[in-house]
């Protein structure tokens, strides 16, 4: 004897498909949120590294005041680490590890700092003594106006 048909199996199947699709969309959204949080944490780590590094550079260097030869010599390692961090930030943007919004802010800051007398002096010394820091050199050559993410490798 056949069982009575209490359900519209087509409607139930459509509902199951809709619930599955909603679950997939929720999972995708959750992945996007997780990725966004991880990106923010990564960028925050680099920002903290900058603040820690900047603490070792004489404050007057950030005001645009020239450093004495002794102050410059004493801060040489911090300036080198600043240049290295700046180059790393450019390289990370080139690999799309830094968001466009954060990169825009960092790029303005890098350009500003490298135009301050103490930073300019240190950067010029570093460029004379090593061929490293290719990404930062390229950014400077392009007048800080080009997004490294758009650069093509030669």
N, C-alpha and C. Protein backbone atom coordinates (compact mmCIF):
# COMPACT_ATOMS: atom_id res chain seq x y z
N UNK A 1 0.85 -1.16 0.00
CA UNK A 1 0.00 0.00 0.00
C UNK A 1 0.91 1.24 0.00
N UNK A 2 0.66 2.21 -0.91
CA UNK A 2 1.52 3.41 -1.01
C UNK A 2 1.30 4.33 0.19
N UNK A 3 2.39 5.01 0.58
CA UNK A 3 2.32 5.97 1.69
C UNK A 3 1.68 7.26 1.20
N UNK A 4 0.94 7.90 2.08
CA UNK A 4 0.34 9.18 1.67
C UNK A 4 1.44 10.22 1.44
N UNK A 5 1.24 11.10 0.49
CA UNK A 5 2.22 12.12 0.13
C UNK A 5 1.89 13.42 0.87
N UNK A 6 2.52 13.61 2.04
CA UNK A 6 2.26 14.79 2.85
C UNK A 6 3.14 15.98 2.45
N UNK A 7 4.21 15.73 1.73
CA UNK A 7 5.17 16.78 1.40
C UNK A 7 5.23 17.00 -0.09
N UNK A 8 5.52 18.24 -0.44
CA UNK A 8 5.85 18.56 -1.83
C UNK A 8 7.36 18.42 -1.92
N UNK A 9 7.81 17.27 -2.42
CA UNK A 9 9.23 16.96 -2.43
C UNK A 9 10.03 17.95 -3.28
N UNK A 10 9.44 18.50 -4.30
CA UNK A 10 10.14 19.50 -5.12
C UNK A 10 10.39 20.77 -4.31
N UNK A 11 9.40 21.17 -3.54
CA UNK A 11 9.56 22.37 -2.70
C UNK A 11 10.61 22.12 -1.62
N UNK A 12 10.58 20.93 -1.03
CA UNK A 12 11.55 20.59 0.00
C UNK A 12 12.96 20.56 -0.58
N UNK A 13 13.10 20.02 -1.78
CA UNK A 13 14.40 19.99 -2.46
C UNK A 13 14.89 21.41 -2.76
N UNK A 14 13.99 22.27 -3.22
CA UNK A 14 14.35 23.67 -3.50
C UNK A 14 14.79 24.38 -2.22
N UNK A 15 14.09 24.11 -1.13
CA UNK A 15 14.45 24.71 0.16
C UNK A 15 15.83 24.22 0.61
N UNK A 16 16.09 22.94 0.45
CA UNK A 16 17.40 22.39 0.82
C UNK A 16 18.50 23.03 -0.01
N UNK A 17 18.25 23.22 -1.30
CA UNK A 17 19.24 23.88 -2.17
C UNK A 17 19.49 25.32 -1.73
N UNK A 18 18.43 26.02 -1.36
CA UNK A 18 18.55 27.42 -0.91
C UNK A 18 19.35 27.49 0.39
N UNK A 19 19.09 26.57 1.31
CA UNK A 19 19.82 26.55 2.58
C UNK A 19 21.29 26.24 2.32
N UNK A 20 21.58 25.32 1.42
CA UNK A 20 22.96 24.99 1.07
C UNK A 20 23.67 26.21 0.48
N UNK A 21 22.99 26.89 -0.45
CA UNK A 21 23.57 28.09 -1.07
C UNK A 21 23.83 29.17 -0.02
N UNK A 22 22.90 29.35 0.90
CA UNK A 22 23.09 30.34 1.97
C UNK A 22 24.28 29.96 2.84
N UNK A 23 24.43 28.67 3.11
CA UNK A 23 25.58 28.20 3.89
C UNK A 23 26.89 28.47 3.19
N UNK A 24 26.93 28.25 1.89
CA UNK A 24 28.14 28.53 1.10
C UNK A 24 28.46 30.02 1.14
N UNK A 25 27.43 30.86 0.95
CA UNK A 25 27.64 32.31 1.00
C UNK A 25 28.13 32.75 2.38
N UNK A 26 27.57 32.18 3.42
CA UNK A 26 28.01 32.50 4.78
C UNK A 26 29.47 32.09 4.98
N UNK A 27 29.83 30.92 4.50
CA UNK A 27 31.22 30.46 4.62
C UNK A 27 32.17 31.38 3.85
N UNK A 28 31.78 31.81 2.66
CA UNK A 28 32.61 32.73 1.88
C UNK A 28 32.76 34.07 2.60
N UNK A 29 31.67 34.56 3.16
CA UNK A 29 31.73 35.81 3.90
C UNK A 29 32.65 35.67 5.11
N UNK A 30 32.54 34.55 5.80
CA UNK A 30 33.38 34.30 6.96
C UNK A 30 34.86 34.23 6.57
N UNK A 31 35.17 33.61 5.45
CA UNK A 31 36.55 33.58 4.95
C UNK A 31 37.05 34.99 4.65
N UNK A 32 36.21 35.81 4.01
CA UNK A 32 36.58 37.18 3.67
C UNK A 32 36.85 37.98 4.94
N UNK A 33 35.99 37.84 5.95
CA UNK A 33 36.17 38.56 7.21
C UNK A 33 37.47 38.10 7.88
N UNK A 34 37.72 36.81 7.91
CA UNK A 34 38.94 36.28 8.52
C UNK A 34 40.18 36.81 7.80
N UNK A 35 40.14 36.83 6.47
CA UNK A 35 41.27 37.35 5.69
C UNK A 35 41.47 38.84 5.97
N UNK A 36 40.38 39.58 6.06
CA UNK A 36 40.47 41.02 6.34
C UNK A 36 41.08 41.28 7.71
N UNK A 37 40.68 40.51 8.69
CA UNK A 37 41.22 40.66 10.04
C UNK A 37 42.71 40.32 10.05
N UNK A 38 43.08 39.23 9.38
CA UNK A 38 44.49 38.84 9.31
C UNK A 38 45.31 39.94 8.63
N UNK A 39 44.78 40.52 7.56
CA UNK A 39 45.48 41.59 6.85
C UNK A 39 45.67 42.80 7.77
N UNK A 40 44.62 43.18 8.49
CA UNK A 40 44.72 44.31 9.42
C UNK A 40 45.75 44.05 10.51
N UNK A 41 45.75 42.84 11.04
CA UNK A 41 46.72 42.50 12.08
C UNK A 41 48.15 42.56 11.54
N UNK A 42 48.34 42.08 10.32
CA UNK A 42 49.65 42.12 9.69
C UNK A 42 50.10 43.56 9.49
N UNK A 43 49.21 44.40 8.97
CA UNK A 43 49.54 45.81 8.74
C UNK A 43 49.80 46.53 10.07
N UNK A 44 49.03 46.19 11.10
CA UNK A 44 49.24 46.78 12.42
C UNK A 44 50.61 46.39 12.99
N UNK A 45 51.04 45.16 12.73
CA UNK A 45 52.36 44.72 13.18
C UNK A 45 53.46 45.56 12.55
N UNK A 46 53.32 45.84 11.25
CA UNK A 46 54.31 46.67 10.57
C UNK A 46 54.27 48.11 11.08
N UNK A 47 53.07 48.61 11.37
CA UNK A 47 52.95 49.97 11.91
C UNK A 47 53.61 50.05 13.29
N UNK A 48 53.45 49.01 14.09
CA UNK A 48 54.10 48.98 15.41
C UNK A 48 55.61 48.92 15.25
N UNK A 49 56.07 48.15 14.28
CA UNK A 49 57.51 48.08 14.02
C UNK A 49 58.05 49.46 13.67
N UNK A 50 57.29 50.20 12.86
CA UNK A 50 57.70 51.56 12.50
C UNK A 50 57.77 52.45 13.75
N UNK A 51 56.75 52.40 14.59
CA UNK A 51 56.73 53.23 15.80
C UNK A 51 57.90 52.89 16.73
N UNK A 52 58.17 51.60 16.88
CA UNK A 52 59.30 51.18 17.72
C UNK A 52 60.62 51.69 17.15
N UNK A 53 60.76 51.58 15.85
CA UNK A 53 61.97 52.02 15.18
C UNK A 53 62.11 53.55 15.28
N UNK A 54 61.01 54.26 15.05
CA UNK A 54 61.03 55.73 15.09
C UNK A 54 61.41 56.24 16.48
N UNK A 55 61.11 55.47 17.51
CA UNK A 55 61.44 55.89 18.87
C UNK A 55 62.95 56.02 19.06
N UNK A 56 63.74 55.33 18.24
CA UNK A 56 65.19 55.39 18.35
C UNK A 56 65.82 56.49 17.52
N UNK A 57 65.01 57.22 16.76
CA UNK A 57 65.51 58.31 15.93
C UNK A 57 65.23 59.62 16.66
N UNK A 58 66.22 60.52 16.72
CA UNK A 58 65.98 61.79 17.42
C UNK A 58 64.72 62.49 16.90
N UNK A 59 63.90 62.95 17.83
CA UNK A 59 62.63 63.60 17.48
C UNK A 59 62.83 64.76 16.53
N UNK A 60 63.89 65.51 16.72
CA UNK A 60 64.08 66.69 15.87
C UNK A 60 64.28 66.32 14.40
N UNK A 61 64.67 65.07 14.13
CA UNK A 61 64.78 64.63 12.73
C UNK A 61 63.42 64.64 12.06
N UNK A 62 62.37 64.35 12.84
CA UNK A 62 61.00 64.34 12.29
C UNK A 62 60.44 65.76 12.13
N UNK A 63 61.07 66.73 12.78
CA UNK A 63 60.66 68.13 12.64
C UNK A 63 61.36 68.81 11.47
N UNK A 64 62.28 68.09 10.82
CA UNK A 64 62.99 68.68 9.70
C UNK A 64 64.26 69.40 10.11
N UNK A 65 64.67 69.22 11.36
CA UNK A 65 65.90 69.85 11.85
C UNK A 65 67.09 68.95 11.51
N UNK A 66 68.15 69.57 11.05
CA UNK A 66 69.37 68.81 10.74
C UNK A 66 69.96 68.24 12.03
N UNK A 67 70.54 67.07 11.93
CA UNK A 67 71.22 66.47 13.06
C UNK A 67 72.69 66.85 13.01
N UNK A 68 73.31 66.93 14.18
CA UNK A 68 74.76 67.13 14.21
C UNK A 68 75.41 65.86 13.65
N UNK A 69 76.66 65.98 13.30
CA UNK A 69 77.38 64.81 12.76
C UNK A 69 77.38 63.68 13.78
N UNK A 70 77.54 64.00 15.06
CA UNK A 70 77.54 62.98 16.12
C UNK A 70 76.16 62.33 16.24
N UNK A 71 75.10 63.13 16.20
CA UNK A 71 73.74 62.58 16.28
C UNK A 71 73.45 61.69 15.08
N UNK A 72 73.89 62.13 13.93
CA UNK A 72 73.67 61.35 12.71
C UNK A 72 74.38 60.00 12.80
N UNK A 73 75.64 60.03 13.22
CA UNK A 73 76.42 58.78 13.38
C UNK A 73 75.75 57.86 14.39
N UNK A 74 75.28 58.45 15.49
CA UNK A 74 74.66 57.67 16.55
C UNK A 74 73.34 57.04 16.09
N UNK A 75 72.66 57.67 15.15
CA UNK A 75 71.35 57.20 14.68
C UNK A 75 71.43 56.41 13.37
N UNK A 76 72.63 56.20 12.87
CA UNK A 76 72.80 55.56 11.57
C UNK A 76 72.10 54.20 11.48
N UNK A 77 72.22 53.40 12.52
CA UNK A 77 71.58 52.07 12.49
C UNK A 77 70.06 52.18 12.42
N UNK A 78 69.48 53.12 13.16
CA UNK A 78 68.03 53.31 13.12
C UNK A 78 67.58 53.78 11.74
N UNK A 79 68.33 54.69 11.14
CA UNK A 79 67.99 55.14 9.80
C UNK A 79 68.06 53.97 8.81
N UNK A 80 69.09 53.14 8.96
CA UNK A 80 69.23 51.98 8.08
C UNK A 80 68.02 51.06 8.24
N UNK A 81 67.62 50.80 9.48
CA UNK A 81 66.46 49.94 9.72
C UNK A 81 65.19 50.58 9.17
N UNK A 82 65.08 51.92 9.25
CA UNK A 82 63.92 52.60 8.68
C UNK A 82 63.89 52.40 7.16
N UNK A 83 65.03 52.55 6.51
CA UNK A 83 65.10 52.35 5.05
C UNK A 83 64.74 50.91 4.71
N UNK A 84 65.25 49.97 5.50
CA UNK A 84 64.96 48.56 5.27
C UNK A 84 63.46 48.28 5.43
N UNK A 85 62.85 48.82 6.48
CA UNK A 85 61.41 48.65 6.69
C UNK A 85 60.62 49.28 5.55
N UNK A 86 61.01 50.47 5.13
CA UNK A 86 60.31 51.14 4.03
C UNK A 86 60.40 50.31 2.75
N UNK A 87 61.57 49.76 2.48
CA UNK A 87 61.74 48.92 1.30
C UNK A 87 60.86 47.68 1.40
N UNK A 88 60.79 47.10 2.59
CA UNK A 88 59.95 45.92 2.81
C UNK A 88 58.47 46.26 2.59
N UNK A 89 58.05 47.44 3.04
CA UNK A 89 56.67 47.86 2.83
C UNK A 89 56.36 47.99 1.34
N UNK A 90 57.29 48.54 0.58
CA UNK A 90 57.10 48.64 -0.88
C UNK A 90 57.00 47.25 -1.48
N UNK A 91 57.90 46.35 -1.08
CA UNK A 91 57.90 44.99 -1.61
C UNK A 91 56.60 44.26 -1.25
N UNK A 92 56.10 44.48 -0.05
CA UNK A 92 54.85 43.84 0.37
C UNK A 92 53.67 44.36 -0.44
N UNK A 93 53.66 45.65 -0.73
CA UNK A 93 52.58 46.20 -1.57
C UNK A 93 52.70 45.63 -2.97
N UNK A 94 53.91 45.48 -3.45
CA UNK A 94 54.13 44.91 -4.79
C UNK A 94 53.52 43.52 -4.88
N UNK A 95 53.58 42.77 -3.78
CA UNK A 95 53.03 41.41 -3.73
C UNK A 95 51.58 41.40 -3.25
N UNK A 96 50.97 42.58 -3.16
CA UNK A 96 49.57 42.74 -2.75
C UNK A 96 49.31 42.25 -1.33
N UNK A 97 50.30 42.37 -0.46
CA UNK A 97 50.12 41.98 0.95
C UNK A 97 49.66 43.16 1.80
N UNK A 98 49.67 44.36 1.21
CA UNK A 98 49.25 45.58 1.90
C UNK A 98 48.06 46.15 1.14
N UNK A 99 47.03 46.54 1.86
CA UNK A 99 45.84 47.09 1.21
C UNK A 99 46.14 48.43 0.55
N UNK A 100 45.33 48.77 -0.43
CA UNK A 100 45.51 50.02 -1.17
C UNK A 100 45.41 51.23 -0.24
N UNK A 101 44.45 51.21 0.66
CA UNK A 101 44.23 52.33 1.58
C UNK A 101 45.44 52.52 2.50
N UNK A 102 45.92 51.45 3.08
CA UNK A 102 47.08 51.53 3.98
C UNK A 102 48.32 51.93 3.17
N UNK A 103 48.49 51.37 1.98
CA UNK A 103 49.64 51.72 1.16
C UNK A 103 49.65 53.21 0.85
N UNK A 104 48.51 53.78 0.52
CA UNK A 104 48.46 55.21 0.19
C UNK A 104 48.99 56.04 1.36
N UNK A 105 48.61 55.68 2.57
CA UNK A 105 49.07 56.40 3.76
C UNK A 105 50.57 56.19 3.97
N UNK A 106 51.02 54.94 3.87
CA UNK A 106 52.43 54.65 4.08
C UNK A 106 53.30 55.33 3.03
N UNK A 107 52.86 55.33 1.80
CA UNK A 107 53.63 55.93 0.72
C UNK A 107 53.85 57.42 0.98
N UNK A 108 52.79 58.10 1.41
CA UNK A 108 52.91 59.53 1.75
C UNK A 108 53.92 59.71 2.88
N UNK A 109 53.85 58.85 3.88
CA UNK A 109 54.78 58.93 5.01
C UNK A 109 56.22 58.66 4.61
N UNK A 110 56.43 57.66 3.77
CA UNK A 110 57.78 57.34 3.31
C UNK A 110 58.36 58.52 2.53
N UNK A 111 57.57 59.05 1.61
CA UNK A 111 58.04 60.19 0.81
C UNK A 111 58.35 61.38 1.72
N UNK A 112 57.46 61.66 2.65
CA UNK A 112 57.66 62.79 3.56
C UNK A 112 58.97 62.61 4.35
N UNK A 113 59.12 61.44 4.97
CA UNK A 113 60.31 61.21 5.79
C UNK A 113 61.59 61.28 4.96
N UNK A 114 61.59 60.69 3.77
CA UNK A 114 62.81 60.70 2.96
C UNK A 114 63.17 62.09 2.47
N UNK A 115 62.25 63.02 2.54
CA UNK A 115 62.54 64.40 2.17
C UNK A 115 62.98 65.26 3.36
N UNK A 116 62.92 64.70 4.57
CA UNK A 116 63.45 65.41 5.73
C UNK A 116 64.97 65.35 5.69
N UNK A 117 65.66 66.42 6.08
CA UNK A 117 67.12 66.47 5.92
C UNK A 117 67.88 65.27 6.51
N UNK A 118 67.57 64.87 7.73
CA UNK A 118 68.31 63.77 8.36
C UNK A 118 68.07 62.44 7.63
N UNK A 119 66.82 62.19 7.24
CA UNK A 119 66.50 60.97 6.51
C UNK A 119 67.12 61.01 5.12
N UNK A 120 67.06 62.17 4.46
CA UNK A 120 67.63 62.32 3.12
C UNK A 120 69.12 62.02 3.15
N UNK A 121 69.82 62.57 4.15
CA UNK A 121 71.26 62.34 4.28
C UNK A 121 71.55 60.85 4.45
N UNK A 122 70.81 60.21 5.35
CA UNK A 122 71.02 58.78 5.59
C UNK A 122 70.71 57.97 4.34
N UNK A 123 69.61 58.27 3.66
CA UNK A 123 69.21 57.55 2.46
C UNK A 123 70.26 57.71 1.36
N UNK A 124 70.77 58.92 1.19
CA UNK A 124 71.82 59.14 0.18
C UNK A 124 73.08 58.35 0.50
N UNK A 125 73.46 58.31 1.77
CA UNK A 125 74.63 57.52 2.18
C UNK A 125 74.41 56.04 1.89
N UNK A 126 73.23 55.55 2.22
CA UNK A 126 72.92 54.14 2.00
C UNK A 126 72.94 53.81 0.51
N UNK A 127 72.36 54.68 -0.31
CA UNK A 127 72.35 54.43 -1.76
C UNK A 127 73.76 54.40 -2.34
N UNK A 128 74.67 55.20 -1.77
CA UNK A 128 76.05 55.22 -2.25
C UNK A 128 76.80 53.95 -1.87
N UNK A 129 76.44 53.36 -0.74
CA UNK A 129 77.22 52.25 -0.19
C UNK A 129 76.70 50.86 -0.54
N UNK A 130 75.46 50.79 -1.02
CA UNK A 130 74.89 49.48 -1.34
C UNK A 130 73.95 49.60 -2.53
N UNK A 131 73.80 48.50 -3.23
CA UNK A 131 72.85 48.48 -4.35
C UNK A 131 71.52 47.86 -3.91
N UNK A 132 71.39 47.59 -2.63
CA UNK A 132 70.15 47.01 -2.09
C UNK A 132 69.02 48.02 -2.12
N UNK A 133 67.88 47.58 -1.68
CA UNK A 133 66.68 48.42 -1.56
C UNK A 133 66.15 48.83 -2.93
N UNK A 134 66.09 47.86 -3.83
CA UNK A 134 65.63 48.12 -5.20
C UNK A 134 64.21 48.67 -5.25
N UNK A 135 63.33 48.12 -4.44
CA UNK A 135 61.93 48.56 -4.48
C UNK A 135 61.78 50.02 -4.06
N UNK A 136 62.48 50.40 -3.00
CA UNK A 136 62.41 51.78 -2.54
C UNK A 136 63.06 52.72 -3.56
N UNK A 137 64.15 52.28 -4.16
CA UNK A 137 64.79 53.08 -5.22
C UNK A 137 63.82 53.30 -6.38
N UNK A 138 63.11 52.25 -6.77
CA UNK A 138 62.17 52.37 -7.88
C UNK A 138 61.02 53.31 -7.53
N UNK A 139 60.51 53.19 -6.31
CA UNK A 139 59.43 54.07 -5.87
C UNK A 139 59.89 55.53 -5.93
N UNK A 140 61.09 55.78 -5.47
CA UNK A 140 61.64 57.14 -5.50
C UNK A 140 61.82 57.61 -6.94
N UNK A 141 62.34 56.74 -7.79
CA UNK A 141 62.54 57.08 -9.20
C UNK A 141 61.21 57.46 -9.87
N UNK A 142 60.14 56.79 -9.46
CA UNK A 142 58.81 57.06 -10.01
C UNK A 142 58.09 58.17 -9.24
N UNK A 143 58.85 58.89 -8.42
CA UNK A 143 58.35 60.06 -7.67
C UNK A 143 57.18 59.73 -6.75
N UNK A 144 57.18 58.49 -6.22
CA UNK A 144 56.19 58.05 -5.25
C UNK A 144 54.76 58.09 -5.81
N UNK A 145 54.65 58.12 -7.12
CA UNK A 145 53.33 58.29 -7.76
C UNK A 145 52.79 57.00 -8.36
N UNK A 146 53.53 55.92 -8.27
CA UNK A 146 53.12 54.67 -8.89
C UNK A 146 52.88 53.61 -7.82
N UNK A 147 51.80 52.88 -7.95
CA UNK A 147 51.48 51.81 -7.01
C UNK A 147 52.35 50.59 -7.34
N UNK A 148 53.19 50.15 -6.40
CA UNK A 148 54.06 48.99 -6.66
C UNK A 148 53.29 47.74 -7.10
N UNK A 149 52.04 47.64 -6.70
CA UNK A 149 51.23 46.48 -7.10
C UNK A 149 51.12 46.40 -8.63
N UNK A 150 51.22 47.53 -9.29
CA UNK A 150 51.08 47.59 -10.75
C UNK A 150 52.40 47.44 -11.49
N UNK A 151 53.50 47.35 -10.78
CA UNK A 151 54.80 47.24 -11.43
C UNK A 151 54.94 45.87 -12.09
N UNK A 152 55.62 45.85 -13.18
CA UNK A 152 55.93 44.60 -13.87
C UNK A 152 57.39 44.28 -13.63
N UNK A 153 57.69 43.04 -13.30
CA UNK A 153 59.09 42.65 -13.13
C UNK A 153 59.77 42.62 -14.49
N UNK A 154 61.00 43.07 -14.48
CA UNK A 154 61.76 43.12 -15.75
C UNK A 154 62.18 41.74 -16.17
